[in-house]
Protein backbone atom coordinates (compact mmCIF):
# COMPACT_ATOMS: atom_id res chain seq x y z
CA MET A 1 -0.02 0.16 -0.21
CA SER A 2 2.62 2.73 0.52
CA ASP A 3 4.51 1.93 -2.94
CA ALA A 4 0.28 3.02 -4.01
CA SER A 5 0.24 6.11 -1.73
CA GLY A 6 3.65 6.95 -2.93
CA LYS A 7 2.62 7.10 -6.68
CA MET A 8 -0.54 9.29 -5.56
CA LYS A 9 1.82 11.74 -3.74
CA GLY A 10 4.09 12.08 -6.70
CA ARG A 11 1.30 12.20 -9.31
CA ARG A 12 -0.31 15.09 -6.84
CA ARG A 13 3.06 16.74 -6.93
CA TRP A 14 3.22 17.03 -11.00
CA ALA A 15 -0.57 18.15 -10.73
CA VAL A 16 0.31 20.79 -8.25
CA ALA A 17 3.59 22.11 -9.97
CA GLY A 18 1.48 22.27 -13.52
CA VAL A 19 -0.89 24.30 -12.04
CA VAL A 20 1.82 26.71 -10.64
CA VAL A 21 3.59 27.24 -13.89
CA ILE A 22 0.53 27.58 -15.72
CA ALA A 23 -0.99 30.23 -13.33
CA ALA A 24 2.58 31.88 -13.45
CA THR A 25 2.64 32.06 -17.70
CA PHE A 26 -0.98 33.45 -17.58
CA GLY A 27 -0.28 36.34 -15.02
CA TRP A 28 3.27 36.75 -17.13
CA LEU A 29 1.34 37.75 -20.04
CA LEU A 30 -1.74 39.04 -18.39
CA TYR A 31 0.57 41.70 -16.19
CA GLY A 32 3.68 41.63 -17.78
CA GLY A 33 4.32 40.48 -21.30
CA LEU A 34 1.07 41.03 -23.18
CA ASP A 35 0.76 44.46 -23.20
CA LYS A 36 4.16 45.28 -24.60
CA ASN A 37 2.65 43.00 -27.70
CA VAL A 38 -0.85 44.36 -28.10
CA VAL A 39 -1.23 47.49 -30.61
CA PHE A 40 -3.90 49.46 -29.40
CA PHE A 41 -6.32 51.86 -31.56
CA LEU A 42 -6.22 55.02 -31.01
CA THR A 43 -8.58 58.32 -32.00
CA PRO A 44 -6.07 61.55 -32.75
CA ALA A 45 -7.39 62.80 -29.49
CA GLU A 46 -7.00 59.92 -27.50
CA LEU A 47 -3.33 59.54 -29.25
CA LEU A 48 -2.91 63.63 -28.25
CA ALA A 49 -4.18 62.88 -24.68
CA LYS A 50 -1.28 60.25 -23.75
CA GLY A 51 1.77 62.87 -23.92
CA THR A 52 4.78 61.30 -24.00
CA ASP A 53 3.31 57.75 -23.27
CA GLY A 54 2.17 57.73 -26.69
CA VAL A 55 5.14 58.06 -28.17
CA GLU A 56 7.39 55.43 -30.29
CA VAL A 57 4.75 52.97 -28.78
CA PRO A 58 2.71 50.58 -32.14
CA VAL A 59 -0.48 51.81 -32.32
CA ARG A 60 -3.54 52.20 -34.70
CA LEU A 61 -4.32 55.55 -34.71
CA GLY A 62 -8.02 55.65 -36.78
CA GLY A 63 -10.17 58.96 -37.99
CA GLN A 64 -11.22 61.18 -41.09
CA VAL A 65 -8.69 62.56 -43.58
CA LYS A 66 -8.69 66.62 -43.22
CA PRO A 67 -10.03 67.65 -46.41
CA GLY A 68 -7.23 69.87 -48.04
CA SER A 69 -4.45 68.03 -46.16
CA VAL A 70 -3.08 65.66 -48.76
CA ALA A 71 0.25 65.63 -50.34
CA TRP A 72 1.35 63.16 -52.42
CA ASP A 73 5.09 62.97 -54.11
CA ASP A 74 4.60 59.98 -57.36
CA GLN A 75 8.52 60.28 -57.59
CA THR A 76 9.24 59.23 -53.54
CA LEU A 77 5.97 57.73 -52.65
CA ASP A 78 5.85 59.89 -49.82
CA LEU A 79 2.25 60.61 -48.71
CA ASN A 80 1.42 63.40 -45.87
CA PHE A 81 -1.90 64.17 -44.71
CA VAL A 82 -3.85 64.85 -41.54
CA VAL A 83 -6.12 62.25 -39.47
CA VAL A 84 -9.30 63.84 -37.66
CA ASP A 85 -11.88 62.69 -35.47
CA GLY A 86 -13.46 65.97 -34.53
CA VAL A 87 -11.41 66.73 -31.35
CA GLY A 88 -7.27 66.32 -32.43
CA GLU A 89 -5.64 65.98 -35.49
CA VAL A 90 -2.37 64.40 -36.07
CA LYS A 91 -0.02 64.54 -39.05
CA VAL A 92 0.71 61.19 -40.77
CA HIS A 93 3.88 60.59 -43.04
CA SER A 94 3.10 57.06 -44.94
CA THR A 95 5.89 56.08 -47.71
CA GLY A 96 4.45 53.50 -50.65
CA ALA A 97 1.61 53.75 -52.61
CA PRO A 98 -1.90 54.40 -50.82
CA PRO A 99 -4.62 52.09 -51.52
CA GLN A 100 -6.88 52.94 -55.03
CA MET A 101 -9.45 54.57 -52.83
CA PHE A 102 -7.36 56.95 -50.69
CA ARG A 103 -8.68 60.40 -50.73
CA ASP A 104 -9.73 63.34 -48.89
CA GLY A 105 -12.47 62.99 -45.96
CA MET A 106 -12.37 58.84 -45.94
CA GLY A 107 -12.13 56.78 -43.20
CA VAL A 108 -8.60 55.63 -42.15
CA ILE A 109 -6.77 53.77 -40.12
CA VAL A 110 -3.44 54.00 -39.90
CA GLU A 111 -0.77 51.17 -38.02
CA GLY A 112 3.02 53.15 -36.81
CA GLN A 113 4.31 55.00 -34.04
CA PHE A 114 3.78 58.76 -32.96
CA GLY A 115 7.48 60.52 -32.94
CA ARG A 116 8.69 62.67 -30.70
CA ASP A 117 8.44 65.66 -33.94
CA GLY A 118 4.61 65.40 -33.62
CA VAL A 119 4.21 63.13 -36.79
CA PHE A 120 2.92 59.68 -36.68
CA ARG A 121 5.09 57.56 -38.84
CA SER A 122 2.93 54.80 -40.84
CA SER A 123 3.98 51.56 -41.77
CA SER A 124 0.38 50.41 -42.47
CA LEU A 125 -2.32 52.50 -44.32
CA MET A 126 -6.19 51.00 -44.58
CA VAL A 127 -9.22 52.87 -45.88
CA LYS A 128 -12.92 52.65 -44.96
CA HIS A 129 -15.05 51.85 -47.50
CA SER A 130 -18.67 50.70 -48.12
CA ASN A 131 -19.81 47.10 -47.34
CA GLU A 132 -22.59 47.37 -49.51
CA TYR A 133 -22.28 45.50 -52.86
CA ARG A 134 -24.83 46.28 -55.90
CA PRO A 135 -24.20 45.36 -59.23
CA PRO A 136 -24.02 48.06 -61.92
CA ALA A 137 -27.88 48.76 -63.55
CA GLU A 138 -27.71 47.50 -67.15
CA GLY A 139 -25.39 50.34 -68.93
CA GLN A 140 -23.81 51.43 -65.77
CA ARG A 141 -20.13 51.75 -65.94
CA PRO A 142 -18.66 50.44 -62.57
CA GLN A 143 -16.27 53.45 -62.53
CA GLU A 144 -19.47 55.55 -62.28
CA MET A 145 -20.40 53.59 -58.83
CA TYR A 146 -17.22 54.39 -57.59
CA LYS A 147 -18.42 58.32 -56.92
CA THR A 148 -21.08 57.04 -54.90
CA LEU A 149 -18.19 55.32 -52.08
CA PHE A 150 -16.74 58.68 -51.26
CA LYS A 151 -18.24 61.47 -48.78
CA GLU A 152 -18.36 64.75 -50.86
CA SER A 153 -15.96 66.99 -49.47
CA PRO A 154 -17.22 70.36 -48.40
CA LYS A 155 -15.91 73.19 -50.49
């Protein structure tokens, strides 16, 4: 009997050790390691409110492209524009060709880091588009339908 009870005690110790390891790993992820690997979604006002805590930290910034702020250099593929949310605004610098639907007044999400110079350096640029699909009417060209996807910019 002592042999059987010894095996049970050994199994119980391994079970307790396994639970402790799992709990410690979960605690580390929850309180220490996870926040360094998560990319937060912020509006311009929220990013600016973070102050220096928002600098050099990977985030996703979402808002509208401020009308008249888009500056595109097709030679160097530099794109500069301002993202607004009605309260705050942040200058954005992106490299590479923007999505084909990108334009003034559109909803965008940019992923990158806010620099100490007050410019958000984007590594990824996504545009919001309509999720409604309707095929072109008889005789209508698809290019004409694209006009309905864009919000008219105030003049």
